[in-house]
């Protein structure tokens, strides 16, 4: 089993994901909202605090 996992890990990975035009549009919209201050981004700890209700938005 270890041999097969090692082989799989070391083989070339030729998989390439291409974003759809809809995904790119969403990324662009989210970026624009962040740049204009309409949306916020949080650190991992900040997001965790909000999710666990230690902090409010």
Protein backbone atom coordinates (compact mmCIF):
# COMPACT_ATOMS: atom_id res chain seq x y z
CA UNK A 1 0.00 0.00 0.00
CA UNK A 2 2.78 2.43 0.83
CA UNK A 3 4.36 1.79 -2.56
CA UNK A 4 1.15 2.71 -4.36
CA UNK A 5 0.70 5.88 -2.26
CA UNK A 6 4.29 6.91 -2.91
CA UNK A 7 3.87 6.28 -6.62
CA UNK A 8 0.63 8.27 -6.73
CA UNK A 9 2.22 11.16 -4.81
CA UNK A 10 5.24 11.29 -7.12
CA UNK A 11 3.41 11.00 -10.44
CA UNK A 12 2.95 14.11 -12.53
CA UNK A 13 -0.30 15.90 -11.87
CA UNK A 14 -1.53 17.35 -15.12
CA UNK A 15 -4.92 18.44 -13.77
CA UNK A 16 -5.60 22.09 -14.45
CA UNK A 17 -8.78 23.77 -13.26
CA UNK A 18 -10.20 26.53 -15.37
CA UNK A 19 -12.59 29.01 -13.82
CA UNK A 20 -15.87 29.55 -15.61
CA UNK A 21 -16.86 33.02 -16.77
CA UNK A 22 -19.53 33.03 -14.04
CA UNK A 23 -16.93 32.26 -11.34
CA UNK A 24 -14.66 35.02 -12.64
CA UNK A 25 -17.60 37.43 -12.62
CA UNK A 26 -18.32 36.56 -8.96
CA UNK A 27 -14.64 37.00 -8.01
CA UNK A 28 -14.58 40.40 -9.71
CA UNK A 29 -17.78 41.50 -7.95
CA UNK A 30 -16.45 40.39 -4.55
CA UNK A 31 -13.13 42.17 -5.16
CA UNK A 32 -14.90 45.38 -6.13
CA UNK A 33 -17.02 45.26 -2.96
CA UNK A 34 -13.90 44.85 -0.83
CA UNK A 35 -12.12 47.71 -2.58
CA UNK A 36 -15.06 50.09 -2.11
CA UNK A 37 -15.58 49.10 1.53
CA UNK A 38 -19.00 47.62 0.81
CA UNK A 39 -17.75 44.24 2.04
CA UNK A 40 -15.27 43.25 4.72
CA UNK A 41 -12.73 40.52 5.09
CA UNK A 42 -11.75 38.91 8.35
CA UNK A 43 -8.77 37.05 9.74
CA UNK A 44 -9.23 33.38 10.59
CA UNK A 45 -9.52 34.29 14.27
CA UNK A 46 -11.96 37.11 13.54
CA UNK A 47 -14.18 34.81 11.48
CA UNK A 48 -14.04 32.13 14.19
CA UNK A 49 -15.03 34.69 16.83
CA UNK A 50 -18.03 35.78 14.76
CA UNK A 51 -19.08 32.19 14.05
CA UNK A 52 -18.80 31.18 17.70
CA UNK A 53 -20.61 34.38 18.71
CA UNK A 54 -17.68 35.77 20.71
CA UNK A 55 -17.89 38.88 18.52
CA UNK A 56 -20.66 40.50 16.52
CA UNK A 57 -20.36 41.92 13.03
